[in-house]
Amino acid sequence: LAKAVSADESALRRLLIALTTLGICSLVD
């Protein structure tokens, strides 16, 4: 995803975790 959206991988992971807590994403693995 970081490569696809041209984002810093570490920062993007934090964003994805925040989105998971909001119910927008889910952690599959």
PDB file of all heavy atoms in Angstrom:
ATOM      1  N   LEU A   1       0.820  -1.212   0.000  1.00  0.00           N
ATOM      2  CA  LEU A   1       0.000   0.000   0.000  1.00  0.00           C
ATOM      3  C   LEU A   1       0.855   1.264   0.000  1.00  0.00           C
ATOM      4  O   LEU A   1       0.529   2.236  -0.687  1.00  0.00           O
ATOM      5  CB  LEU A   1      -0.932   0.010   1.208  1.00  0.00           C
ATOM      6  CG  LEU A   1      -2.077  -0.982   1.132  1.00  0.00           C
ATOM      7  CD1 LEU A   1      -2.769  -1.099   2.476  1.00  0.00           C
ATOM      8  CD2 LEU A   1      -3.059  -0.561   0.051  1.00  0.00           C
ATOM      9  N   ALA A   2       1.938   1.240   0.763  1.00  0.00           N
ATOM     10  CA  ALA A   2       2.823   2.413   0.806  1.00  0.00           C
ATOM     11  C   ALA A   2       3.364   2.723  -0.582  1.00  0.00           C
ATOM     12  O   ALA A   2       3.413   3.888  -0.997  1.00  0.00           O
ATOM     13  CB  ALA A   2       3.964   2.183   1.792  1.00  0.00           C
ATOM     14  N   LYS A   3       3.736   1.690  -1.291  1.00  0.00           N
ATOM     15  CA  LYS A   3       4.242   1.886  -2.652  1.00  0.00           C
ATOM     16  C   LYS A   3       3.125   2.397  -3.568  1.00  0.00           C
ATOM     17  O   LYS A   3       3.334   3.303  -4.370  1.00  0.00           O
ATOM     18  CB  LYS A   3       4.807   0.570  -3.182  1.00  0.00           C
ATOM     19  CG  LYS A   3       5.514   0.696  -4.499  1.00  0.00           C
ATOM     20  CD  LYS A   3       6.186  -0.601  -4.890  1.00  0.00           C
ATOM     21  CE  LYS A   3       6.953  -0.419  -6.188  1.00  0.00           C
ATOM     22  NZ  LYS A   3       7.660  -1.631  -6.578  1.00  0.00           N
ATOM     23  N   ALA A   4       1.933   1.832  -3.434  1.00  0.00           N
ATOM     24  CA  ALA A   4       0.814   2.199  -4.306  1.00  0.00           C
ATOM     25  C   ALA A   4       0.362   3.642  -4.116  1.00  0.00           C
ATOM     26  O   ALA A   4      -0.060   4.291  -5.073  1.00  0.00           O
ATOM     27  CB  ALA A   4      -0.360   1.260  -4.064  1.00  0.00           C
ATOM     28  N   VAL A   5       0.449   4.151  -2.884  1.00  0.00           N
ATOM     29  CA  VAL A   5      -0.040   5.513  -2.621  1.00  0.00           C
ATOM     30  C   VAL A   5       1.099   6.508  -2.366  1.00  0.00           C
ATOM     31  O   VAL A   5       0.851   7.644  -1.978  1.00  0.00           O
ATOM     32  CB  VAL A   5      -1.053   5.546  -1.449  1.00  0.00           C
ATOM     33  CG1 VAL A   5      -2.254   4.674  -1.750  1.00  0.00           C
ATOM     34  CG2 VAL A   5      -0.401   5.161  -0.129  1.00  0.00           C
ATOM     35  N   SER A   6       2.330   6.067  -2.562  1.00  0.00           N
ATOM     36  CA  SER A   6       3.516   6.911  -2.354  1.00  0.00           C
ATOM     37  C   SER A   6       3.547   7.518  -0.953  1.00  0.00           C
ATOM     38  O   SER A   6       3.646   8.731  -0.778  1.00  0.00           O
ATOM     39  CB  SER A   6       3.568   8.026  -3.401  1.00  0.00           C
ATOM     40  OG  SER A   6       3.621   7.488  -4.694  1.00  0.00           O
ATOM     41  N   ALA A   7       3.466   6.636   0.044  1.00  0.00           N
ATOM     42  CA  ALA A   7       3.470   7.086   1.441  1.00  0.00           C
ATOM     43  C   ALA A   7       4.573   6.376   2.215  1.00  0.00           C
ATOM     44  O   ALA A   7       5.042   5.305   1.819  1.00  0.00           O
ATOM     45  CB  ALA A   7       2.122   6.791   2.087  1.00  0.00           C
ATOM     46  N   ASP A   8       4.983   6.980   3.311  1.00  0.00           N
ATOM     47  CA  ASP A   8       5.933   6.369   4.216  1.00  0.00           C
ATOM     48  C   ASP A   8       5.278   5.141   4.856  1.00  0.00           C
ATOM     49  O   ASP A   8       4.155   5.236   5.382  1.00  0.00           O
ATOM     50  CB  ASP A   8       6.340   7.379   5.299  1.00  0.00           C
ATOM     51  CG  ASP A   8       7.258   6.765   6.328  1.00  0.00           C
ATOM     52  OD1 ASP A   8       8.454   6.605   6.029  1.00  0.00           O
ATOM     53  OD2 ASP A   8       6.763   6.440   7.430  1.00  0.00           O
ATOM     54  N   GLU A   9       5.940   4.018   4.793  1.00  0.00           N
ATOM     55  CA  GLU A   9       5.357   2.763   5.269  1.00  0.00           C
ATOM     56  C   GLU A   9       4.993   2.801   6.754  1.00  0.00           C
ATOM     57  O   GLU A   9       3.913   2.341   7.147  1.00  0.00           O
ATOM     58  CB  GLU A   9       6.322   1.607   4.992  1.00  0.00           C
ATOM     59  CG  GLU A   9       5.735   0.259   5.269  1.00  0.00           C
ATOM     60  CD  GLU A   9       6.667  -0.877   4.880  1.00  0.00           C
ATOM     61  OE1 GLU A   9       7.554  -0.689   4.029  1.00  0.00           O
ATOM     62  OE2 GLU A   9       6.477  -1.978   5.443  1.00  0.00           O
ATOM     63  N   SER A  10       5.856   3.336   7.570  1.00  0.00           N
ATOM     64  CA  SER A  10       5.597   3.392   9.008  1.00  0.00           C
ATOM     65  C   SER A  10       4.403   4.296   9.327  1.00  0.00           C
ATOM     66  O   SER A  10       3.523   3.936  10.124  1.00  0.00           O
ATOM     67  CB  SER A  10       6.854   3.890   9.735  1.00  0.00           C
ATOM     68  OG  SER A  10       6.621   4.003  11.105  1.00  0.00           O
ATOM     69  N   ALA A  11       4.350   5.443   8.699  1.00  0.00           N
ATOM     70  CA  ALA A  11       3.239   6.370   8.922  1.00  0.00           C
ATOM     71  C   ALA A  11       1.930   5.776   8.400  1.00  0.00           C
ATOM     72  O   ALA A  11       0.876   5.908   9.037  1.00  0.00           O
ATOM     73  CB  ALA A  11       3.520   7.706   8.245  1.00  0.00           C
ATOM     74  N   LEU A  12       2.013   5.101   7.264  1.00  0.00           N
ATOM     75  CA  LEU A  12       0.816   4.489   6.689  1.00  0.00           C
ATOM     76  C   LEU A  12       0.292   3.383   7.593  1.00  0.00           C
ATOM     77  O   LEU A  12      -0.914   3.235   7.770  1.00  0.00           O
ATOM     78  CB  LEU A  12       1.100   3.952   5.291  1.00  0.00           C
ATOM     79  CG  LEU A  12      -0.102   3.366   4.565  1.00  0.00           C
ATOM     80  CD1 LEU A  12      -1.205   4.405   4.378  1.00  0.00           C
ATOM     81  CD2 LEU A  12       0.310   2.791   3.225  1.00  0.00           C
ATOM     82  N   ARG A  13       1.173   2.613   8.192  1.00  0.00           N
ATOM     83  CA  ARG A  13       0.727   1.559   9.118  1.00  0.00           C
ATOM     84  C   ARG A  13      -0.034   2.160  10.290  1.00  0.00           C
ATOM     85  O   ARG A  13      -1.073   1.643  10.701  1.00  0.00           O
ATOM     86  CB  ARG A  13       1.902   0.722   9.609  1.00  0.00           C
ATOM     87  CG  ARG A  13       1.443  -0.362  10.597  1.00  0.00           C
ATOM     88  CD  ARG A  13       2.485  -1.435  10.815  1.00  0.00           C
ATOM     89  NE  ARG A  13       2.061  -2.385  11.807  1.00  0.00           N
ATOM     90  CZ  ARG A  13       1.188  -3.351  11.600  1.00  0.00           C
ATOM     91  NH1 ARG A  13       0.635  -3.507  10.423  1.00  0.00           N
ATOM     92  NH2 ARG A  13       0.855  -4.189  12.561  1.00  0.00           N
ATOM     93  N   ARG A  14       0.453   3.264  10.830  1.00  0.00           N
ATOM     94  CA  ARG A  14      -0.259   3.932  11.925  1.00  0.00           C
ATOM     95  C   ARG A  14      -1.638   4.403  11.466  1.00  0.00           C
ATOM     96  O   ARG A  14      -2.622   4.276  12.196  1.00  0.00           O
ATOM     97  CB  ARG A  14       0.568   5.090  12.482  1.00  0.00           C
ATOM     98  CG  ARG A  14       1.802   4.630  13.252  1.00  0.00           C
ATOM     99  CD  ARG A  14       2.479   5.756  14.007  1.00  0.00           C
ATOM    100  NE  ARG A  14       2.945   6.828  13.153  1.00  0.00           N
ATOM    101  CZ  ARG A  14       4.116   6.853  12.528  1.00  0.00           C
ATOM    102  NH1 ARG A  14       4.949   5.836  12.668  1.00  0.00           N
ATOM    103  NH2 ARG A  14       4.466   7.879  11.778  1.00  0.00           N
ATOM    104  N   LEU A  15      -1.706   4.929  10.254  1.00  0.00           N
ATOM    105  CA  LEU A  15      -2.995   5.364   9.711  1.00  0.00           C
ATOM    106  C   LEU A  15      -3.939   4.169   9.553  1.00  0.00           C
ATOM    107  O   LEU A  15      -5.112   4.244   9.919  1.00  0.00           O
ATOM    108  CB  LEU A  15      -2.791   6.064   8.362  1.00  0.00           C
ATOM    109  CG  LEU A  15      -4.072   6.499   7.648  1.00  0.00           C
ATOM    110  CD1 LEU A  15      -4.756   7.626   8.416  1.00  0.00           C
ATOM    111  CD2 LEU A  15      -3.772   6.929   6.233  1.00  0.00           C
ATOM    112  N   LEU A  16      -3.436   3.062   9.028  1.00  0.00           N
ATOM    113  CA  LEU A  16      -4.266   1.874   8.840  1.00  0.00           C
ATOM    114  C   LEU A  16      -4.768   1.311  10.167  1.00  0.00           C
ATOM    115  O   LEU A  16      -5.905   0.858  10.269  1.00  0.00           O
ATOM    116  CB  LEU A  16      -3.484   0.806   8.065  1.00  0.00           C
ATOM    117  CG  LEU A  16      -3.261   1.125   6.592  1.00  0.00           C
ATOM    118  CD1 LEU A  16      -2.150   0.250   6.015  1.00  0.00           C
ATOM    119  CD2 LEU A  16      -4.547   0.972   5.800  1.00  0.00           C
ATOM    120  N   ILE A  17      -3.948   1.372  11.184  1.00  0.00           N
ATOM    121  CA  ILE A  17      -4.381   0.920  12.509  1.00  0.00           C
ATOM    122  C   ILE A  17      -5.483   1.835  13.029  1.00  0.00           C
ATOM    123  O   ILE A  17      -6.480   1.371  13.587  1.00  0.00           O
ATOM    124  CB  ILE A  17      -3.183   0.836  13.475  1.00  0.00           C
ATOM    125  CG1 ILE A  17      -2.290  -0.340  13.055  1.00  0.00           C
ATOM    126  CG2 ILE A  17      -3.646   0.676  14.924  1.00  0.00           C
ATOM    127  CD1 ILE A  17      -0.952  -0.392  13.749  1.00  0.00           C
ATOM    128  N   ALA A  18      -5.325   3.145  12.825  1.00  0.00           N
ATOM    129  CA  ALA A  18      -6.374   4.085  13.234  1.00  0.00           C
ATOM    130  C   ALA A  18      -7.666   3.796  12.465  1.00  0.00           C
ATOM    131  O   ALA A  18      -8.758   3.803  13.040  1.00  0.00           O
ATOM    132  CB  ALA A  18      -5.916   5.521  12.997  1.00  0.00           C
ATOM    133  N   LEU A  19      -7.552   3.530  11.177  1.00  0.00           N
ATOM    134  CA  LEU A  19      -8.732   3.216  10.369  1.00  0.00           C
ATOM    135  C   LEU A  19      -9.382   1.908  10.822  1.00  0.00           C
ATOM    136  O   LEU A  19     -10.600   1.753  10.761  1.00  0.00           O
ATOM    137  CB  LEU A  19      -8.347   3.129   8.889  1.00  0.00           C
ATOM    138  CG  LEU A  19      -7.973   4.461   8.236  1.00  0.00           C
ATOM    139  CD1 LEU A  19      -7.303   4.228   6.892  1.00  0.00           C
ATOM    140  CD2 LEU A  19      -9.191   5.359   8.094  1.00  0.00           C
ATOM    141  N   THR A  20      -8.568   0.988  11.310  1.00  0.00           N
ATOM    142  CA  THR A  20      -9.095  -0.273  11.836  1.00  0.00           C
ATOM    143  C   THR A  20      -9.917  -0.021  13.093  1.00  0.00           C
ATOM    144  O   THR A  20     -10.994  -0.605  13.258  1.00  0.00           O
ATOM    145  CB  THR A  20      -7.938  -1.250  12.112  1.00  0.00           C
ATOM    146  OG1 THR A  20      -7.261  -1.505  10.872  1.00  0.00           O
ATOM    147  CG2 THR A  20      -8.421  -2.556  12.698  1.00  0.00           C
ATOM    148  N   THR A  21      -9.447   0.853  13.955  1.00  0.00           N
ATOM    149  CA  THR A  21     -10.205   1.149  15.181  1.00  0.00           C
ATOM    150  C   THR A  21     -11.523   1.847  14.868  1.00  0.00           C
ATOM    151  O   THR A  21     -12.469   1.755  15.652  1.00  0.00           O
ATOM    152  CB  THR A  21      -9.394   2.009  16.177  1.00  0.00           C
ATOM    153  OG1 THR A  21      -9.141   3.288  15.609  1.00  0.00           O
ATOM    154  CG2 THR A  21      -8.106   1.338  16.576  1.00  0.00           C
ATOM    155  N   LEU A  22     -11.598   2.507  13.712  1.00  0.00           N
ATOM    156  CA  LEU A  22     -12.836   3.174  13.301  1.00  0.00           C
ATOM    157  C   LEU A  22     -13.765   2.246  12.520  1.00  0.00           C
ATOM    158  O   LEU A  22     -14.875   2.635  12.170  1.00  0.00           O
ATOM    159  CB  LEU A  22     -12.507   4.399  12.439  1.00  0.00           C
ATOM    160  CG  LEU A  22     -11.728   5.517  13.119  1.00  0.00           C
ATOM    161  CD1 LEU A  22     -11.377   6.600  12.117  1.00  0.00           C
ATOM    162  CD2 LEU A  22     -12.525   6.084  14.288  1.00  0.00           C
ATOM    163  N   GLY A  23     -13.302   1.048  12.199  1.00  0.00           N
ATOM    164  CA  GLY A  23     -14.119   0.105  11.461  1.00  0.00           C
ATOM    165  C   GLY A  23     -14.085   0.297   9.959  1.00  0.00           C
ATOM    166  O   GLY A  23     -14.916  -0.241   9.231  1.00  0.00           O
ATOM    167  N   ILE A  24     -13.110   1.050   9.460  1.00  0.00           N
ATOM    168  CA  ILE A  24     -12.990   1.315   8.028  1.00  0.00           C
ATOM    169  C   ILE A  24     -12.128   0.250   7.351  1.00  0.00           C
ATOM    170  O   ILE A  24     -12.356  -0.103   6.206  1.00  0.00           O
ATOM    171  CB  ILE A  24     -12.449   2.741   7.796  1.00  0.00           C
ATOM    172  CG1 ILE A  24     -13.524   3.736   8.242  1.00  0.00           C
ATOM    173  CG2 ILE A  24     -12.041   2.961   6.351  1.00  0.00           C
ATOM    174  CD1 ILE A  24     -13.097   5.176   8.248  1.00  0.00           C
ATOM    175  N   CYS A  25     -11.157  -0.244   8.070  1.00  0.00           N
ATOM    176  CA  CYS A  25     -10.285  -1.322   7.593  1.00  0.00           C
ATOM    177  C   CYS A  25     -10.306  -2.434   8.624  1.00  0.00           C
ATOM    178  O   CYS A  25     -10.745  -2.234   9.761  1.00  0.00           O
ATOM    179  CB  CYS A  25      -8.840  -0.839   7.453  1.00  0.00           C
ATOM    180  SG  CYS A  25      -8.568   0.316   6.123  1.00  0.00           S
ATOM    181  N   SER A  26      -9.814  -3.575   8.220  1.00  0.00           N
ATOM    182  CA  SER A  26      -9.622  -4.653   9.178  1.00  0.00           C
ATOM    183  C   SER A  26      -8.244  -5.261   8.954  1.00  0.00           C
ATOM    184  O   SER A  26      -7.743  -5.284   7.825  1.00  0.00           O
ATOM    185  CB  SER A  26     -10.719  -5.718   9.055  1.00  0.00           C
ATOM    186  OG  SER A  26     -10.702  -6.298   7.783  1.00  0.00           O
ATOM    187  N   LEU A  27      -7.667  -5.710  10.037  1.00  0.00           N
ATOM    188  CA  LEU A  27      -6.363  -6.371   9.989  1.00  0.00           C
ATOM    189  C   LEU A  27      -6.616  -7.837   9.690  1.00  0.00           C
ATOM    190  O   LEU A  27      -7.265  -8.537  10.458  1.00  0.00           O
ATOM    191  CB  LEU A  27      -5.636  -6.185  11.316  1.00  0.00           C
ATOM    192  CG  LEU A  27      -4.226  -6.727  11.420  1.00  0.00           C
ATOM    193  CD1 LEU A  27      -3.308  -6.041  10.416  1.00  0.00           C
ATOM    194  CD2 LEU A  27      -3.700  -6.516  12.831  1.00  0.00           C
ATOM    195  N   VAL A  28      -6.143  -8.288   8.540  1.00  0.00           N
ATOM    196  CA  VAL A  28      -6.396  -9.654   8.092  1.00  0.00           C
ATOM    197  C   VAL A  28      -5.306 -10.590   8.572  1.00  0.00           C
ATOM    198  O   VAL A  28      -5.542 -11.712   8.950  1.00  0.00           O
ATOM    199  CB  VAL A  28      -6.508  -9.698   6.549  1.00  0.00           C
ATOM    200  CG1 VAL A  28      -6.669 -11.113   6.044  1.00  0.00           C
ATOM    201  CG2 VAL A  28      -7.649  -8.818   6.084  1.00  0.00           C
ATOM    202  N   ASP A  29      -4.101 -10.128   8.560  1.00  0.00           N
ATOM    203  CA  ASP A  29      -2.941 -10.900   8.960  1.00  0.00           C
ATOM    204  C   ASP A  29      -2.116  -9.949   9.813  1.00  0.00           C
ATOM    205  O   ASP A  29      -2.546  -8.845  10.091  1.00  0.00           O
ATOM    206  CB  ASP A  29      -2.199 -11.353   7.699  1.00  0.00           C
ATOM    207  CG  ASP A  29      -1.282 -12.535   7.924  1.00  0.00           C
ATOM    208  OD1 ASP A  29      -0.991 -12.857   9.089  1.00  0.00           O
ATOM    209  OD2 ASP A  29      -0.844 -13.132   6.926  1.00  0.00           O
TER     210      ASP A  29
END
